[in-house]
C-alpha cells in the first residue's frame, strides 16, 4: 500500500533532468520505496512543514524538499518543491525557504 502520491514541481523536474541518468533513476527508485515504507533514511522531517527525500549515489548526497497535502481524505499528496546536491552537514536555509515559498503559493491558489 502506498502511503502517498507524489507531485513534482517544474523546478524538481528540471533538477532531475539535469542529472545523470543513473542518479535520476536512483532518486526516483528511493522515492517509490519511500511511498511504501516509513524509512527515515529516505524521507526525513526537517521542520514542522518541510521534509526531504534523501538519496546518496556515488558519494553524492541528493535532496528533494517536499511538503504534505492531506486536505483530500482519500488521497495524501506529497509535493516535491525543489532539489539540490547537499554539500554540507546542514540543509541550506535558502533551500528550506524556497520550499516554504512554493508551499505557500501552492496552498494559496
C-alpha atoms as a PDB file:
ATOM      1  CA  UNK A   1       0.000   0.000   0.000  1.00  0.00           C
ATOM      2  CA  UNK A   2       1.292   3.429  -0.912  1.00  0.00           C
ATOM      3  CA  UNK A   3       1.204   5.993   1.879  1.00  0.00           C
ATOM      4  CA  UNK A   4       1.102   8.914  -0.551  1.00  0.00           C
ATOM      5  CA  UNK A   5       1.195  10.046  -4.166  1.00  0.00           C
ATOM      6  CA  UNK A   6       3.921  12.427  -5.286  1.00  0.00           C
ATOM      7  CA  UNK A   7       3.741  15.518  -7.456  1.00  0.00           C
ATOM      8  CA  UNK A   8       6.954  17.029  -8.813  1.00  0.00           C
ATOM      9  CA  UNK A   9       7.151  20.793  -9.263  1.00  0.00           C
ATOM     10  CA  UNK A  10       8.603  22.135 -12.510  1.00  0.00           C
ATOM     11  CA  UNK A  11      11.715  23.031 -10.527  1.00  0.00           C
ATOM     12  CA  UNK A  12      12.169  19.413  -9.423  1.00  0.00           C
ATOM     13  CA  UNK A  13      11.564  18.140 -12.958  1.00  0.00           C
ATOM     14  CA  UNK A  14      14.322  20.474 -14.212  1.00  0.00           C
ATOM     15  CA  UNK A  15      16.661  19.357 -11.426  1.00  0.00           C
ATOM     16  CA  UNK A  16      16.076  15.673 -12.199  1.00  0.00           C
ATOM     17  CA  UNK A  17      16.519  16.286 -15.939  1.00  0.00           C
ATOM     18  CA  UNK A  18      19.901  17.921 -15.231  1.00  0.00           C
ATOM     19  CA  UNK A  19      21.275  14.795 -13.533  1.00  0.00           C
ATOM     20  CA  UNK A  20      22.980  11.764 -14.991  1.00  0.00           C
ATOM     21  CA  UNK A  21      20.522   9.012 -15.863  1.00  0.00           C
ATOM     22  CA  UNK A  22      21.697   6.584 -13.131  1.00  0.00           C
ATOM     23  CA  UNK A  23      21.493   9.252 -10.407  1.00  0.00           C
ATOM     24  CA  UNK A  24      17.997  10.285 -11.549  1.00  0.00           C
ATOM     25  CA  UNK A  25      16.836   6.649 -11.563  1.00  0.00           C
ATOM     26  CA  UNK A  26      18.231   6.073  -8.057  1.00  0.00           C
ATOM     27  CA  UNK A  27      16.371   9.149  -6.712  1.00  0.00           C
ATOM     28  CA  UNK A  28      13.086   8.026  -8.282  1.00  0.00           C
ATOM     29  CA  UNK A  29      13.650   4.472  -7.011  1.00  0.00           C
ATOM     30  CA  UNK A  30      14.136   5.799  -3.463  1.00  0.00           C
ATOM     31  CA  UNK A  31      11.009   7.956  -3.706  1.00  0.00           C
ATOM     32  CA  UNK A  32       8.991   4.967  -4.914  1.00  0.00           C
ATOM     33  CA  UNK A  33      10.390   2.967  -1.990  1.00  0.00           C
ATOM     34  CA  UNK A  34       9.511   5.783   0.451  1.00  0.00           C
ATOM     35  CA  UNK A  35       5.896   5.619  -0.731  1.00  0.00           C
ATOM     36  CA  UNK A  36       5.721   2.048   0.567  1.00  0.00           C
ATOM     37  CA  UNK A  37       7.763   2.362   3.773  1.00  0.00           C
ATOM     38  CA  UNK A  38       8.234   4.878   6.523  1.00  0.00           C
ATOM     39  CA  UNK A  39      12.021   4.808   6.368  1.00  0.00           C
ATOM     40  CA  UNK A  40      13.641   7.999   7.788  1.00  0.00           C
ATOM     41  CA  UNK A  41      16.719   7.259   5.693  1.00  0.00           C
ATOM     42  CA  UNK A  42      14.601   8.006   2.618  1.00  0.00           C
ATOM     43  CA  UNK A  43      12.167  10.670   3.854  1.00  0.00           C
ATOM     44  CA  UNK A  44      13.080  12.833   6.835  1.00  0.00           C
ATOM     45  CA  UNK A  45      11.228  15.670   8.551  1.00  0.00           C
ATOM     46  CA  UNK A  46      13.249  18.906   8.618  1.00  0.00           C
ATOM     47  CA  UNK A  47      10.763  21.164  10.395  1.00  0.00           C
ATOM     48  CA  UNK A  48       7.042  21.383  11.049  1.00  0.00           C
ATOM     49  CA  UNK A  49       6.151  21.540   7.327  1.00  0.00           C
ATOM     50  CA  UNK A  50       9.169  20.654   5.201  1.00  0.00           C
ATOM     51  CA  UNK A  51      10.510  17.154   4.584  1.00  0.00           C
ATOM     52  CA  UNK A  52      13.406  15.887   2.493  1.00  0.00           C
ATOM     53  CA  UNK A  53      13.736  12.886   0.230  1.00  0.00           C
ATOM     54  CA  UNK A  54      17.268  11.618   0.724  1.00  0.00           C
ATOM     55  CA  UNK A  55      19.401   9.773  -1.818  1.00  0.00           C
ATOM     56  CA  UNK A  56      23.097   9.017  -1.758  1.00  0.00           C
ATOM     57  CA  UNK A  57      24.555   7.853  -5.047  1.00  0.00           C
ATOM     58  CA  UNK A  58      28.261   7.692  -5.956  1.00  0.00           C
ATOM     59  CA  UNK A  59      29.156   9.530  -2.724  1.00  0.00           C
ATOM     60  CA  UNK A  60      26.905  12.447  -3.692  1.00  0.00           C
ATOM     61  CA  UNK A  61      24.004  13.463  -1.439  1.00  0.00           C
ATOM     62  CA  UNK A  62      20.895  14.386  -3.441  1.00  0.00           C
ATOM     63  CA  UNK A  63      17.947  16.050  -1.759  1.00  0.00           C
ATOM     64  CA  UNK A  64      14.410  16.878  -2.834  1.00  0.00           C
ATOM     65  CA  UNK A  65      12.460  19.037  -0.402  1.00  0.00           C
ATOM     66  CA  UNK A  66       8.736  18.485  -0.092  1.00  0.00           C
ATOM     67  CA  UNK A  67       5.586  19.115   1.909  1.00  0.00           C
ATOM     68  CA  UNK A  68       2.375  17.158   2.566  1.00  0.00           C
ATOM     69  CA  UNK A  69      -1.122  17.993   1.343  1.00  0.00           C
ATOM     70  CA  UNK A  70      -3.633  15.995   3.392  1.00  0.00           C
ATOM     71  CA  UNK A  71      -6.731  18.030   2.527  1.00  0.00           C
ATOM     72  CA  UNK A  72      -8.233  15.168   0.500  1.00  0.00           C
ATOM     73  CA  UNK A  73      -9.289  12.419   2.890  1.00  0.00           C
ATOM     74  CA  UNK A  74      -8.962   9.757   0.172  1.00  0.00           C
ATOM     75  CA  UNK A  75      -5.537  10.628  -1.187  1.00  0.00           C
ATOM     76  CA  UNK A  76      -2.488  12.096   0.530  1.00  0.00           C
ATOM     77  CA  UNK A  77      -0.193  14.089  -1.723  1.00  0.00           C
ATOM     78  CA  UNK A  78       3.446  14.946  -1.244  1.00  0.00           C
ATOM     79  CA  UNK A  79       4.600  17.862  -3.358  1.00  0.00           C
ATOM     80  CA  UNK A  80       8.326  17.871  -4.144  1.00  0.00           C
ATOM     81  CA  UNK A  81       9.293  21.535  -4.383  1.00  0.00           C
ATOM     82  CA  UNK A  82      12.999  21.833  -5.160  1.00  0.00           C
ATOM     83  CA  UNK A  83      16.084  19.689  -5.499  1.00  0.00           C
ATOM     84  CA  UNK A  84      19.778  20.203  -4.861  1.00  0.00           C
ATOM     85  CA  UNK A  85      23.054  18.442  -4.189  1.00  0.00           C
ATOM     86  CA  UNK A  86      23.855  18.620  -0.489  1.00  0.00           C
ATOM     87  CA  UNK A  87      27.437  19.718   0.149  1.00  0.00           C
ATOM     88  CA  UNK A  88      27.344  20.490   3.881  1.00  0.00           C
ATOM     89  CA  UNK A  89      26.108  18.751   7.042  1.00  0.00           C
ATOM     90  CA  UNK A  90      23.067  21.010   7.396  1.00  0.00           C
ATOM     91  CA  UNK A  91      20.397  21.560   4.788  1.00  0.00           C
ATOM     92  CA  UNK A  92      20.903  25.111   3.437  1.00  0.00           C
ATOM     93  CA  UNK A  93      18.349  27.568   4.846  1.00  0.00           C
ATOM     94  CA  UNK A  94      17.866  29.084   1.390  1.00  0.00           C
ATOM     95  CA  UNK A  95      16.634  25.712   0.100  1.00  0.00           C
ATOM     96  CA  UNK A  96      14.189  25.348   3.001  1.00  0.00           C
ATOM     97  CA  UNK A  97      12.947  28.920   2.416  1.00  0.00           C
ATOM     98  CA  UNK A  98      12.438  28.122  -1.278  1.00  0.00           C
ATOM     99  CA  UNK A  99      10.405  25.025  -0.378  1.00  0.00           C
ATOM    100  CA  UNK A 100       8.297  27.086   2.031  1.00  0.00           C
ATOM    101  CA  UNK A 101       7.645  29.745  -0.660  1.00  0.00           C
ATOM    102  CA  UNK A 102       6.447  27.080  -3.092  1.00  0.00           C
ATOM    103  CA  UNK A 103       4.273  25.525  -0.366  1.00  0.00           C
ATOM    104  CA  UNK A 104       2.709  28.908   0.486  1.00  0.00           C
ATOM    105  CA  UNK A 105       1.977  29.566  -3.187  1.00  0.00           C
ATOM    106  CA  UNK A 106       0.504  26.061  -3.589  1.00  0.00           C
ATOM    107  CA  UNK A 107      -1.940  26.446  -0.698  1.00  0.00           C
ATOM    108  CA  UNK A 108      -2.974  29.989  -1.715  1.00  0.00           C
ATOM    109  CA  UNK A 109      -4.045  29.005  -5.220  1.00  0.00           C
END
